[in-house]
Amino acid sequence: MNKQSDILETSFDMLIDVEPGEVAAGGALVLRCAARATPGRDLRGQSVQILDDTGAAVGSLTFSMLDGATNTTEPVTLTAPTRLGSHGWRAVIAGVPESDAPGGDATHDFF
């Protein structure tokens, strides 16, 4: 008798929309987040932490809408860094693995 294993393929896609594309130091940025997980996952109520390039939390968004397979947040206004130059930020959804490894966090780097 052969033992059959079921393999569950998972994928996770996250998009951060930032407006405007360029902003003055200390200016306002509007962020929205969209995420799609396969198999489908309802993320409503789940927080998305926004970290700056030093790893410090600068804000958060919360998934509030589910349209089919896509979870979205309401827009949130954050303040851009006061230092001139390019800055990399990271969005983190705790406990949403991007792969089959349990207990991981989903991350998305954006600039």
PDB file of N, CA and C in Angstrom:
ATOM      1  N   MET A   1       0.842  -1.168   0.000  1.00  0.00           N
ATOM      2  CA  MET A   1       0.000   0.000   0.000  1.00  0.00           C
ATOM      3  C   MET A   1       0.893   1.239   0.000  1.00  0.00           C
ATOM      4  N   ASN A   2       0.627   2.137  -0.906  1.00  0.00           N
ATOM      5  CA  ASN A   2       1.397   3.370  -0.999  1.00  0.00           C
ATOM      6  C   ASN A   2       0.699   4.475  -0.236  1.00  0.00           C
ATOM      7  N   LYS A   3       1.492   5.256   0.448  1.00  0.00           N
ATOM      8  CA  LYS A   3       0.947   6.394   1.176  1.00  0.00           C
ATOM      9  C   LYS A   3       1.017   7.615   0.262  1.00  0.00           C
ATOM     10  N   GLN A   4      -0.096   8.293   0.102  1.00  0.00           N
ATOM     11  CA  GLN A   4      -0.139   9.461  -0.759  1.00  0.00           C
ATOM     12  C   GLN A   4      -0.103  10.712   0.104  1.00  0.00           C
ATOM     13  N   SER A   5       0.722  11.653  -0.280  1.00  0.00           N
ATOM     14  CA  SER A   5       0.808  12.928   0.433  1.00  0.00           C
ATOM     15  C   SER A   5       0.185  14.013  -0.421  1.00  0.00           C
ATOM     16  N   ASP A   6      -0.535  14.887   0.213  1.00  0.00           N
ATOM     17  CA  ASP A   6      -1.067  16.051  -0.476  1.00  0.00           C
ATOM     18  C   ASP A   6      -0.095  17.201  -0.258  1.00  0.00           C
ATOM     19  N   ILE A   7       0.288  17.830  -1.335  1.00  0.00           N
ATOM     20  CA  ILE A   7       1.174  18.979  -1.249  1.00  0.00           C
ATOM     21  C   ILE A   7       0.338  20.218  -1.512  1.00  0.00           C
ATOM     22  N   LEU A   8       0.361  21.129  -0.566  1.00  0.00           N
ATOM     23  CA  LEU A   8      -0.394  22.363  -0.687  1.00  0.00           C
ATOM     24  C   LEU A   8       0.551  23.457  -1.167  1.00  0.00           C
ATOM     25  N   GLU A   9       0.309  23.947  -2.366  1.00  0.00           N
ATOM     26  CA  GLU A   9       1.119  25.044  -2.870  1.00  0.00           C
ATOM     27  C   GLU A   9       0.513  26.343  -2.376  1.00  0.00           C
ATOM     28  N   THR A  10       1.366  27.194  -1.854  1.00  0.00           N
ATOM     29  CA  THR A  10       0.896  28.491  -1.400  1.00  0.00           C
ATOM     30  C   THR A  10       1.689  29.581  -2.096  1.00  0.00           C
ATOM     31  N   SER A  11       1.047  30.693  -2.284  1.00  0.00           N
ATOM     32  CA  SER A  11       1.738  31.868  -2.793  1.00  0.00           C
ATOM     33  C   SER A  11       1.108  33.084  -2.145  1.00  0.00           C
ATOM     34  N   PHE A  12       1.874  34.146  -2.090  1.00  0.00           N
ATOM     35  CA  PHE A  12       1.388  35.370  -1.468  1.00  0.00           C
ATOM     36  C   PHE A  12       1.954  36.546  -2.240  1.00  0.00           C
ATOM     37  N   ASP A  13       1.084  37.422  -2.679  1.00  0.00           N
ATOM     38  CA  ASP A  13       1.495  38.624  -3.396  1.00  0.00           C
ATOM     39  C   ASP A  13       0.980  39.838  -2.640  1.00  0.00           C
ATOM     40  N   MET A  14       1.859  40.813  -2.464  1.00  0.00           N
ATOM     41  CA  MET A  14       1.483  42.041  -1.780  1.00  0.00           C
ATOM     42  C   MET A  14       1.937  43.225  -2.627  1.00  0.00           C
ATOM     43  N   LEU A  15       1.103  44.249  -2.691  1.00  0.00           N
ATOM     44  CA  LEU A  15       1.416  45.465  -3.426  1.00  0.00           C
ATOM     45  C   LEU A  15       1.150  46.652  -2.512  1.00  0.00           C
ATOM     46  N   ILE A  16       2.105  47.562  -2.451  1.00  0.00           N
ATOM     47  CA  ILE A  16       1.921  48.815  -1.721  1.00  0.00           C
ATOM     48  C   ILE A  16       1.833  49.930  -2.755  1.00  0.00           C
ATOM     49  N   ASP A  17       0.744  50.673  -2.725  1.00  0.00           N
ATOM     50  CA  ASP A  17       0.559  51.815  -3.611  1.00  0.00           C
ATOM     51  C   ASP A  17       0.925  53.064  -2.818  1.00  0.00           C
ATOM     52  N   VAL A  18       1.868  53.846  -3.333  1.00  0.00           N
ATOM     53  CA  VAL A  18       2.337  55.057  -2.659  1.00  0.00           C
ATOM     54  C   VAL A  18       2.070  56.248  -3.567  1.00  0.00           C
ATOM     55  N   GLU A  19       1.407  57.261  -3.023  1.00  0.00           N
ATOM     56  CA  GLU A  19       1.143  58.487  -3.778  1.00  0.00           C
ATOM     57  C   GLU A  19       1.559  59.672  -2.934  1.00  0.00           C
ATOM     58  N   PRO A  20       2.196  60.667  -3.461  1.00  0.00           N
ATOM     59  CA  PRO A  20       2.735  60.702  -4.816  1.00  0.00           C
ATOM     60  C   PRO A  20       4.000  59.868  -4.922  1.00  0.00           C
ATOM     61  N   GLY A  21       4.482  59.660  -6.132  1.00  0.00           N
ATOM     62  CA  GLY A  21       5.687  58.861  -6.351  1.00  0.00           C
ATOM     63  C   GLY A  21       6.924  59.513  -5.765  1.00  0.00           C
ATOM     64  N   GLU A  22       6.979  60.831  -5.801  1.00  0.00           N
ATOM     65  CA  GLU A  22       8.065  61.592  -5.181  1.00  0.00           C
ATOM     66  C   GLU A  22       7.433  62.623  -4.270  1.00  0.00           C
ATOM     67  N   VAL A  23       8.072  62.845  -3.123  1.00  0.00           N
ATOM     68  CA  VAL A  23       7.526  63.780  -2.147  1.00  0.00           C
ATOM     69  C   VAL A  23       8.676  64.545  -1.506  1.00  0.00           C
ATOM     70  N   ALA A  24       8.411  65.762  -1.098  1.00  0.00           N
ATOM     71  CA  ALA A  24       9.417  66.566  -0.407  1.00  0.00           C
ATOM     72  C   ALA A  24       9.707  65.959   0.962  1.00  0.00           C
ATOM     73  N   ALA A  25      10.910  66.204   1.463  1.00  0.00           N
ATOM     74  CA  ALA A  25      11.278  65.724   2.795  1.00  0.00           C
ATOM     75  C   ALA A  25      10.249  66.213   3.812  1.00  0.00           C
ATOM     76  N   GLY A  26       9.727  65.283   4.614  1.00  0.00           N
ATOM     77  CA  GLY A  26       8.726  65.615   5.618  1.00  0.00           C
ATOM     78  C   GLY A  26       7.319  65.777   5.076  1.00  0.00           C
ATOM     79  N   GLY A  27       7.124  65.539   3.782  1.00  0.00           N
ATOM     80  CA  GLY A  27       5.810  65.687   3.161  1.00  0.00           C
ATOM     81  C   GLY A  27       4.899  64.496   3.439  1.00  0.00           C
ATOM     82  N   ALA A  28       3.667  64.610   2.992  1.00  0.00           N
ATOM     83  CA  ALA A  28       2.664  63.564   3.218  1.00  0.00           C
ATOM     84  C   ALA A  28       2.707  62.509   2.117  1.00  0.00           C
ATOM     85  N   LEU A  29       2.617  61.247   2.523  1.00  0.00           N
ATOM     86  CA  LEU A  29       2.521  60.099   1.618  1.00  0.00           C
ATOM     87  C   LEU A  29       1.224  59.371   1.921  1.00  0.00           C
ATOM     88  N   VAL A  30       0.516  58.956   0.895  1.00  0.00           N
ATOM     89  CA  VAL A  30      -0.692  58.154   1.084  1.00  0.00           C
ATOM     90  C   VAL A  30      -0.375  56.734   0.645  1.00  0.00           C
ATOM     91  N   LEU A  31      -0.575  55.781   1.555  1.00  0.00           N
ATOM     92  CA  LEU A  31      -0.295  54.374   1.274  1.00  0.00           C
ATOM     93  C   LEU A  31      -1.578  53.565   1.292  1.00  0.00           C
ATOM     94  N   ARG A  32      -1.644  52.589   0.391  1.00  0.00           N
ATOM     95  CA  ARG A  32      -2.698  51.573   0.365  1.00  0.00           C
ATOM     96  C   ARG A  32      -2.000  50.242   0.165  1.00  0.00           C
ATOM     97  N   CYS A  33      -2.604  49.184   0.658  1.00  0.00           N
ATOM     98  CA  CYS A  33      -2.017  47.857   0.492  1.00  0.00           C
ATOM     99  C   CYS A  33      -3.063  46.913  -0.080  1.00  0.00           C
ATOM    100  N   ALA A  34      -2.624  46.068  -1.005  1.00  0.00           N
ATOM    101  CA  ALA A  34      -3.461  44.994  -1.540  1.00  0.00           C
ATOM    102  C   ALA A  34      -2.665  43.705  -1.419  1.00  0.00           C
ATOM    103  N   ALA A  35      -3.341  42.625  -1.053  1.00  0.00           N
ATOM    104  CA  ALA A  35      -2.670  41.335  -0.899  1.00  0.00           C
ATOM    105  C   ALA A  35      -3.591  40.228  -1.377  1.00  0.00           C
ATOM    106  N   ARG A  36      -2.963  39.232  -2.008  1.00  0.00           N
ATOM    107  CA  ARG A  36      -3.700  38.068  -2.493  1.00  0.00           C
ATOM    108  C   ARG A  36      -2.932  36.827  -2.068  1.00  0.00           C
ATOM    109  N   ALA A  37      -3.616  35.906  -1.421  1.00  0.00           N
ATOM    110  CA  ALA A  37      -2.996  34.657  -0.982  1.00  0.00           C
ATOM    111  C   ALA A  37      -3.660  33.494  -1.693  1.00  0.00           C
ATOM    112  N   THR A  38      -2.844  32.515  -2.076  1.00  0.00           N
ATOM    113  CA  THR A  38      -3.352  31.286  -2.670  1.00  0.00           C
ATOM    114  C   THR A  38      -2.935  30.137  -1.772  1.00  0.00           C
ATOM    115  N   PRO A  39      -3.793  29.319  -1.252  1.00  0.00           N
ATOM    116  CA  PRO A  39      -5.241  29.381  -1.442  1.00  0.00           C
ATOM    117  C   PRO A  39      -5.817  30.633  -0.791  1.00  0.00           C
ATOM    118  N   GLY A  40      -7.029  31.013  -1.193  1.00  0.00           N
ATOM    119  CA  GLY A  40      -7.648  32.246  -0.724  1.00  0.00           C
ATOM    120  C   GLY A  40      -7.631  32.379   0.786  1.00  0.00           C
ATOM    121  N   ARG A  41      -7.382  33.580   1.251  1.00  0.00           N
ATOM    122  CA  ARG A  41      -7.323  33.831   2.684  1.00  0.00           C
ATOM    123  C   ARG A  41      -7.931  35.197   2.959  1.00  0.00           C
ATOM    124  N   ASP A  42      -8.825  35.243   3.921  1.00  0.00           N
ATOM    125  CA  ASP A  42      -9.460  36.482   4.338  1.00  0.00           C
ATOM    126  C   ASP A  42      -8.558  37.145   5.374  1.00  0.00           C
ATOM    127  N   LEU A  43      -7.979  38.284   5.029  1.00  0.00           N
ATOM    128  CA  LEU A  43      -7.062  38.987   5.923  1.00  0.00           C
ATOM    129  C   LEU A  43      -7.715  40.175   6.623  1.00  0.00           C
ATOM    130  N   ARG A  44      -9.032  40.343   6.490  1.00  0.00           N
ATOM    131  CA  ARG A  44      -9.690  41.484   7.125  1.00  0.00           C
ATOM    132  C   ARG A  44      -9.408  41.489   8.622  1.00  0.00           C
ATOM    133  N   GLY A  45      -9.031  42.670   9.120  1.00  0.00           N
ATOM    134  CA  GLY A  45      -8.663  42.833  10.523  1.00  0.00           C
ATOM    135  C   GLY A  45      -7.173  42.662  10.783  1.00  0.00           C
ATOM    136  N   GLN A  46      -6.445  42.103   9.824  1.00  0.00           N
ATOM    137  CA  GLN A  46      -4.996  41.883   9.963  1.00  0.00           C
ATOM    138  C   GLN A  46      -4.257  43.195   9.697  1.00  0.00           C
ATOM    139  N   SER A  47      -3.259  43.497  10.518  1.00  0.00           N
ATOM    140  CA  SER A  47      -2.477  44.725  10.374  1.00  0.00           C
ATOM    141  C   SER A  47      -1.282  44.541   9.449  1.00  0.00           C
ATOM    142  N   VAL A  48      -0.931  45.624   8.787  1.00  0.00           N
ATOM    143  CA  VAL A  48       0.275  45.703   7.968  1.00  0.00           C
ATOM    144  C   VAL A  48       1.149  46.774   8.617  1.00  0.00           C
ATOM    145  N   GLN A  49       2.286  46.374   9.168  1.00  0.00           N
ATOM    146  CA  GLN A  49       3.203  47.332   9.784  1.00  0.00           C
ATOM    147  C   GLN A  49       4.120  47.905   8.710  1.00  0.00           C
ATOM    148  N   ILE A  50       4.354  49.199   8.766  1.00  0.00           N
ATOM    149  CA  ILE A  50       5.266  49.865   7.841  1.00  0.00           C
ATOM    150  C   ILE A  50       6.518  50.243   8.629  1.00  0.00           C
ATOM    151  N   LEU A  51       7.664  49.732   8.160  1.00  0.00           N
ATOM    152  CA  LEU A  51       8.946  49.979   8.816  1.00  0.00           C
ATOM    153  C   LEU A  51       9.818  50.843   7.916  1.00  0.00           C
ATOM    154  N   ASP A  52      10.570  51.767   8.525  1.00  0.00           N
ATOM    155  CA  ASP A  52      11.484  52.583   7.725  1.00  0.00           C
ATOM    156  C   ASP A  52      12.796  51.845   7.500  1.00  0.00           C
ATOM    157  N   ASP A  53      13.762  52.526   6.879  1.00  0.00           N
ATOM    158  CA  ASP A  53      15.013  51.854   6.531  1.00  0.00           C
ATOM    159  C   ASP A  53      15.907  51.552   7.729  1.00  0.00           C
ATOM    160  N   THR A  54      15.505  51.991   8.941  1.00  0.00           N
ATOM    161  CA  THR A  54      16.232  51.611  10.156  1.00  0.00           C
ATOM    162  C   THR A  54      15.524  50.478  10.893  1.00  0.00           C
ATOM    163  N   GLY A  55      14.346  50.080  10.397  1.00  0.00           N
ATOM    164  CA  GLY A  55      13.556  49.039  11.047  1.00  0.00           C
ATOM    165  C   GLY A  55      12.542  49.571  12.043  1.00  0.00           C
ATOM    166  N   ALA A  56      12.464  50.890  12.191  1.00  0.00           N
ATOM    167  CA  ALA A  56      11.502  51.497  13.113  1.00  0.00           C
ATOM    168  C   ALA A  56      10.115  51.548  12.473  1.00  0.00           C
ATOM    169  N   ALA A  57       9.089  51.290  13.275  1.00  0.00           N
ATOM    170  CA  ALA A  57       7.712  51.365  12.790  1.00  0.00           C
ATOM    171  C   ALA A  57       7.339  52.827  12.549  1.00  0.00           C
ATOM    172  N   VAL A  58       6.793  53.114  11.370  1.00  0.00           N
ATOM    173  CA  VAL A  58       6.379  54.478  11.035  1.00  0.00           C
ATOM    174  C   VAL A  58       4.875  54.579  10.807  1.00  0.00           C
ATOM    175  N   GLY A  59       4.185  53.458  10.849  1.00  0.00           N
ATOM    176  CA  GLY A  59       2.744  53.471  10.660  1.00  0.00           C
ATOM    177  C   GLY A  59       2.204  52.080  10.439  1.00  0.00           C
ATOM    178  N   SER A  60       0.893  52.008  10.295  1.00  0.00           N
ATOM    179  CA  SER A  60       0.268  50.715  10.019  1.00  0.00           C
ATOM    180  C   SER A  60      -1.014  50.925   9.232  1.00  0.00           C
ATOM    181  N   LEU A  61      -1.392  49.870   8.535  1.00  0.00           N
ATOM    182  CA  LEU A  61      -2.642  49.817   7.796  1.00  0.00           C
ATOM    183  C   LEU A  61      -3.368  48.565   8.260  1.00  0.00           C
ATOM    184  N   THR A  62      -4.672  48.508   8.045  1.00  0.00           N
ATOM    185  CA  THR A  62      -5.447  47.327   8.415  1.00  0.00           C
ATOM    186  C   THR A  62      -6.307  46.908   7.230  1.00  0.00           C
ATOM    187  N   PHE A  63      -6.241  45.616   6.896  1.00  0.00           N
ATOM    188  CA  PHE A  63      -7.093  45.110   5.822  1.00  0.00           C
ATOM    189  C   PHE A  63      -8.545  45.212   6.264  1.00  0.00           C
ATOM    190  N   SER A  64      -9.372  45.832   5.413  1.00  0.00           N
ATOM    191  CA  SER A  64     -10.779  46.016   5.758  1.00  0.00           C
ATOM    192  C   SER A  64     -11.728  45.527   4.673  1.00  0.00           C
ATOM    193  N   MET A  65     -11.199  45.219   3.498  1.00  0.00           N
ATOM    194  CA  MET A  65     -12.059  44.797   2.393  1.00  0.00           C
ATOM    195  C   MET A  65     -11.522  43.533   1.744  1.00  0.00           C
ATOM    196  N   LEU A  66     -12.437  42.686   1.295  1.00  0.00           N
ATOM    197  CA  LEU A  66     -12.087  41.481   0.554  1.00  0.00           C
ATOM    198  C   LEU A  66     -12.971  41.439  -0.680  1.00  0.00           C
ATOM    199  N   ASP A  67     -12.331  41.515  -1.851  1.00  0.00           N
ATOM    200  CA  ASP A  67     -13.041  41.481  -3.120  1.00  0.00           C
ATOM    201  C   ASP A  67     -12.582  40.234  -3.863  1.00  0.00           C
ATOM    202  N   GLY A  68     -13.315  39.162  -3.737  1.00  0.00           N
ATOM    203  CA  GLY A  68     -12.883  37.898  -4.332  1.00  0.00           C
ATOM    204  C   GLY A  68     -11.696  37.365  -3.567  1.00  0.00           C
ATOM    205  N   ALA A  69     -10.528  37.363  -4.197  1.00  0.00           N
ATOM    206  CA  ALA A  69      -9.320  36.860  -3.548  1.00  0.00           C
ATOM    207  C   ALA A  69      -8.393  37.977  -3.085  1.00  0.00           C
ATOM    208  N   THR A  70      -8.744  39.243  -3.369  1.00  0.00           N
ATOM    209  CA  THR A  70      -7.858  40.359  -3.045  1.00  0.00           C
ATOM    210  C   THR A  70      -8.323  41.090  -1.796  1.00  0.00           C
ATOM    211  N   ASN A  71      -7.416  41.180  -0.823  1.00  0.00           N
ATOM    212  CA  ASN A  71      -7.645  41.933   0.408  1.00  0.00           C
ATOM    213  C   ASN A  71      -7.061  43.327   0.222  1.00  0.00           C
ATOM    214  N   THR A  72      -7.779  44.371   0.670  1.00  0.00           N
ATOM    215  CA  THR A  72      -7.268  45.732   0.539  1.00  0.00           C
ATOM    216  C   THR A  72      -7.469  46.513   1.832  1.00  0.00           C
ATOM    217  N   THR A  73      -6.652  47.561   1.971  1.00  0.00           N
ATOM    218  CA  THR A  73      -6.758  48.449   3.118  1.00  0.00           C
ATOM    219  C   THR A  73      -7.358  49.773   2.676  1.00  0.00           C
ATOM    220  N   GLU A  74      -7.818  50.540   3.642  1.00  0.00           N
ATOM    221  CA  GLU A  74      -8.169  51.933   3.394  1.00  0.00           C
ATOM    222  C   GLU A  74      -6.856  52.700   3.269  1.00  0.00           C
ATOM    223  N   PRO A  75      -6.852  53.843   2.591  1.00  0.00           N
ATOM    224  CA  PRO A  75      -5.624  54.633   2.509  1.00  0.00           C
ATOM    225  C   PRO A  75      -5.250  55.210   3.873  1.00  0.00           C
ATOM    226  N   VAL A  76      -3.946  55.315   4.114  1.00  0.00           N
ATOM    227  CA  VAL A  76      -3.413  55.901   5.341  1.00  0.00           C
ATOM    228  C   VAL A  76      -2.367  56.930   4.941  1.00  0.00           C
ATOM    229  N   THR A  77      -2.381  58.080   5.603  1.00  0.00           N
ATOM    230  CA  THR A  77      -1.400  59.124   5.331  1.00  0.00           C
ATOM    231  C   THR A  77      -0.270  59.038   6.346  1.00  0.00           C
ATOM    232  N   LEU A  78       0.958  58.955   5.838  1.00  0.00           N
ATOM    233  CA  LEU A  78       2.156  58.928   6.672  1.00  0.00           C
ATOM    234  C   LEU A  78       3.056  60.091   6.277  1.00  0.00           C
ATOM    235  N   THR A  79       4.010  60.402   7.142  1.00  0.00           N
ATOM    236  CA  THR A  79       4.958  61.476   6.875  1.00  0.00           C
ATOM    237  C   THR A  79       6.250  60.902   6.317  1.00  0.00           C
ATOM    238  N   ALA A  80       6.704  61.457   5.210  1.00  0.00           N
ATOM    239  CA  ALA A  80       7.965  61.029   4.599  1.00  0.00           C
ATOM    240  C   ALA A  80       9.129  61.408   5.513  1.00  0.00           C
ATOM    241  N   PRO A  81      10.247  60.700   5.388  1.00  0.00           N
ATOM    242  CA  PRO A  81      11.425  61.059   6.184  1.00  0.00           C
ATOM    243  C   PRO A  81      11.844  62.512   5.934  1.00  0.00           C
ATOM    244  N   THR A  82      12.426  63.125   6.945  1.00  0.00           N
ATOM    245  CA  THR A  82      12.882  64.506   6.797  1.00  0.00           C
ATOM    246  C   THR A  82      14.271  64.581   6.175  1.00  0.00           C
ATOM    247  N   ARG A  83      14.978  63.446   6.138  1.00  0.00           N
ATOM    248  CA  ARG A  83      16.297  63.396   5.492  1.00  0.00           C
ATOM    249  C   ARG A  83      16.104  63.359   3.977  1.00  0.00           C
ATOM    250  N   LEU A  84      16.902  64.111   3.266  1.00  0.00           N
ATOM    251  CA  LEU A  84      16.844  64.089   1.805  1.00  0.00           C
ATOM    252  C   LEU A  84      17.408  62.779   1.280  1.00  0.00           C
ATOM    253  N   GLY A  85      16.934  62.345   0.115  1.00  0.00           N
ATOM    254  CA  GLY A  85      17.461  61.142  -0.514  1.00  0.00           C
ATOM    255  C   GLY A  85      16.410  60.064  -0.662  1.00  0.00           C
ATOM    256  N   SER A  86      16.847  58.928  -1.194  1.00  0.00           N
ATOM    257  CA  SER A  86      15.960  57.776  -1.374  1.00  0.00           C
ATOM    258  C   SER A  86      15.890  56.978  -0.083  1.00  0.00           C
ATOM    259  N   HIS A  87      14.732  56.440   0.200  1.00  0.00           N
ATOM    260  CA  HIS A  87      14.526  55.667   1.422  1.00  0.00           C
ATOM    261  C   HIS A  87      13.772  54.391   1.088  1.00  0.00           C
ATOM    262  N   GLY A  88      14.184  53.289   1.660  1.00  0.00           N
ATOM    263  CA  GLY A  88      13.492  52.024   1.477  1.00  0.00           C
ATOM    264  C   GLY A  88      12.659  51.696   2.699  1.00  0.00           C
ATOM    265  N   TRP A  89      11.404  51.382   2.488  1.00  0.00           N
ATOM    266  CA  TRP A  89      10.521  50.986   3.578  1.00  0.00           C
ATOM    267  C   TRP A  89      10.108  49.541   3.360  1.00  0.00           C
ATOM    268  N   ARG A  90       9.588  48.920   4.394  1.00  0.00           N
ATOM    269  CA  ARG A  90       9.152  47.526   4.324  1.00  0.00           C
ATOM    270  C   ARG A  90       7.757  47.406   4.945  1.00  0.00           C
ATOM    271  N   ALA A  91       6.890  46.680   4.251  1.00  0.00           N
ATOM    272  CA  ALA A  91       5.575  46.331   4.790  1.00  0.00           C
ATOM    273  C   ALA A  91       5.665  44.910   5.327  1.00  0.00           C
ATOM    274  N   VAL A  92       5.132  44.697   6.530  1.00  0.00           N
ATOM    275  CA  VAL A  92       5.196  43.382   7.174  1.00  0.00           C
ATOM    276  C   VAL A  92       3.805  42.990   7.647  1.00  0.00           C
ATOM    277  N   ILE A  93       3.377  41.797   7.237  1.00  0.00           N
ATOM    278  CA  ILE A  93       2.133  41.217   7.750  1.00  0.00           C
ATOM    279  C   ILE A  93       2.556  40.022   8.587  1.00  0.00           C
ATOM    280  N   ALA A  94       2.436  40.139   9.892  1.00  0.00           N
ATOM    281  CA  ALA A  94       2.898  39.084  10.797  1.00  0.00           C
ATOM    282  C   ALA A  94       2.033  37.839  10.667  1.00  0.00           C
ATOM    283  N   GLY A  95       2.696  36.690  10.670  1.00  0.00           N
ATOM    284  CA  GLY A  95       1.991  35.415  10.687  1.00  0.00           C
ATOM    285  C   GLY A  95       1.378  34.994   9.372  1.00  0.00           C
ATOM    286  N   VAL A  96       1.767  35.615   8.272  1.00  0.00           N
ATOM    287  CA  VAL A  96       1.273  35.232   6.949  1.00  0.00           C
ATOM    288  C   VAL A  96       2.476  34.781   6.136  1.00  0.00           C
ATOM    289  N   PRO A  97       2.767  33.488   6.157  1.00  0.00           N
ATOM    290  CA  PRO A  97       3.965  33.009   5.472  1.00  0.00           C
ATOM    291  C   PRO A  97       3.872  33.190   3.966  1.00  0.00           C
ATOM    292  N   GLU A  98       5.000  33.516   3.358  1.00  0.00           N
ATOM    293  CA  GLU A  98       5.062  33.653   1.902  1.00  0.00           C
ATOM    294  C   GLU A  98       5.339  32.310   1.244  1.00  0.00           C
ATOM    295  N   SER A  99       5.697  31.326   2.034  1.00  0.00           N
ATOM    296  CA  SER A  99       5.992  30.001   1.500  1.00  0.00           C
ATOM    297  C   SER A  99       5.295  28.977   2.378  1.00  0.00           C
ATOM    298  N   ASP A 100       5.675  27.731   2.250  1.00  0.00           N
ATOM    299  CA  ASP A 100       5.055  26.686   3.054  1.00  0.00           C
ATOM    300  C   ASP A 100       5.563  26.656   4.490  1.00  0.00           C
ATOM    301  N   ALA A 101       6.590  27.431   4.811  1.00  0.00           N
ATOM    302  CA  ALA A 101       7.121  27.444   6.175  1.00  0.00           C
ATOM    303  C   ALA A 101       6.112  28.105   7.105  1.00  0.00           C
ATOM    304  N   PRO A 102       5.659  27.407   8.143  1.00  0.00           N
ATOM    305  CA  PRO A 102       4.647  27.973   9.033  1.00  0.00           C
ATOM    306  C   PRO A 102       5.219  29.076   9.915  1.00  0.00           C
ATOM    307  N   GLY A 103       4.359  30.012  10.305  1.00  0.00           N
ATOM    308  CA  GLY A 103       4.726  31.013  11.288  1.00  0.00           C
ATOM    309  C   GLY A 103       5.579  32.150  10.786  1.00  0.00           C
ATOM    310  N   GLY A 104       5.748  32.263   9.477  1.00  0.00           N
ATOM    311  CA  GLY A 104       6.578  33.337   8.935  1.00  0.00           C
ATOM    312  C   GLY A 104       5.791  34.623   8.789  1.00  0.00           C
ATOM    313  N   ASP A 105       6.470  35.630   8.320  1.00  0.00           N
ATOM    314  CA  ASP A 105       5.843  36.912   8.049  1.00  0.00           C
ATOM    315  C   ASP A 105       5.931  37.196   6.557  1.00  0.00           C
ATOM    316  N   ALA A 106       4.888  37.802   6.015  1.00  0.00           N
ATOM    317  CA  ALA A 106       4.926  38.254   4.628  1.00  0.00           C
ATOM    318  C   ALA A 106       5.531  39.649   4.624  1.00  0.00           C
ATOM    319  N   THR A 107       6.475  39.897   3.736  1.00  0.00           N
ATOM    320  CA  THR A 107       7.111  41.208   3.656  1.00  0.00           C
ATOM    321  C   THR A 107       7.123  41.701   2.218  1.00  0.00           C
ATOM    322  N   HIS A 108       7.184  43.010   2.088  1.00  0.00           N
ATOM    323  CA  HIS A 108       7.291  43.637   0.769  1.00  0.00           C
ATOM    324  C   HIS A 108       8.104  44.910   0.934  1.00  0.00           C
ATOM    325  N   ASP A 109       9.225  45.007   0.230  1.00  0.00           N
ATOM    326  CA  ASP A 109      10.054  46.205   0.270  1.00  0.00           C
ATOM    327  C   ASP A 109       9.593  47.164  -0.813  1.00  0.00           C
ATOM    328  N   PHE A 110       9.523  48.445  -0.464  1.00  0.00           N
ATOM    329  CA  PHE A 110       9.139  49.452  -1.445  1.00  0.00           C
ATOM    330  C   PHE A 110       9.912  50.731  -1.171  1.00  0.00           C
ATOM    331  N   PHE A 111       9.962  51.580  -2.182  1.00  0.00           N
ATOM    332  CA  PHE A 111      10.781  52.791  -2.087  1.00  0.00           C
ATOM    333  C   PHE A 111       9.992  54.004  -2.496  1.00  0.00           C
TER     334      PHE A 111
END
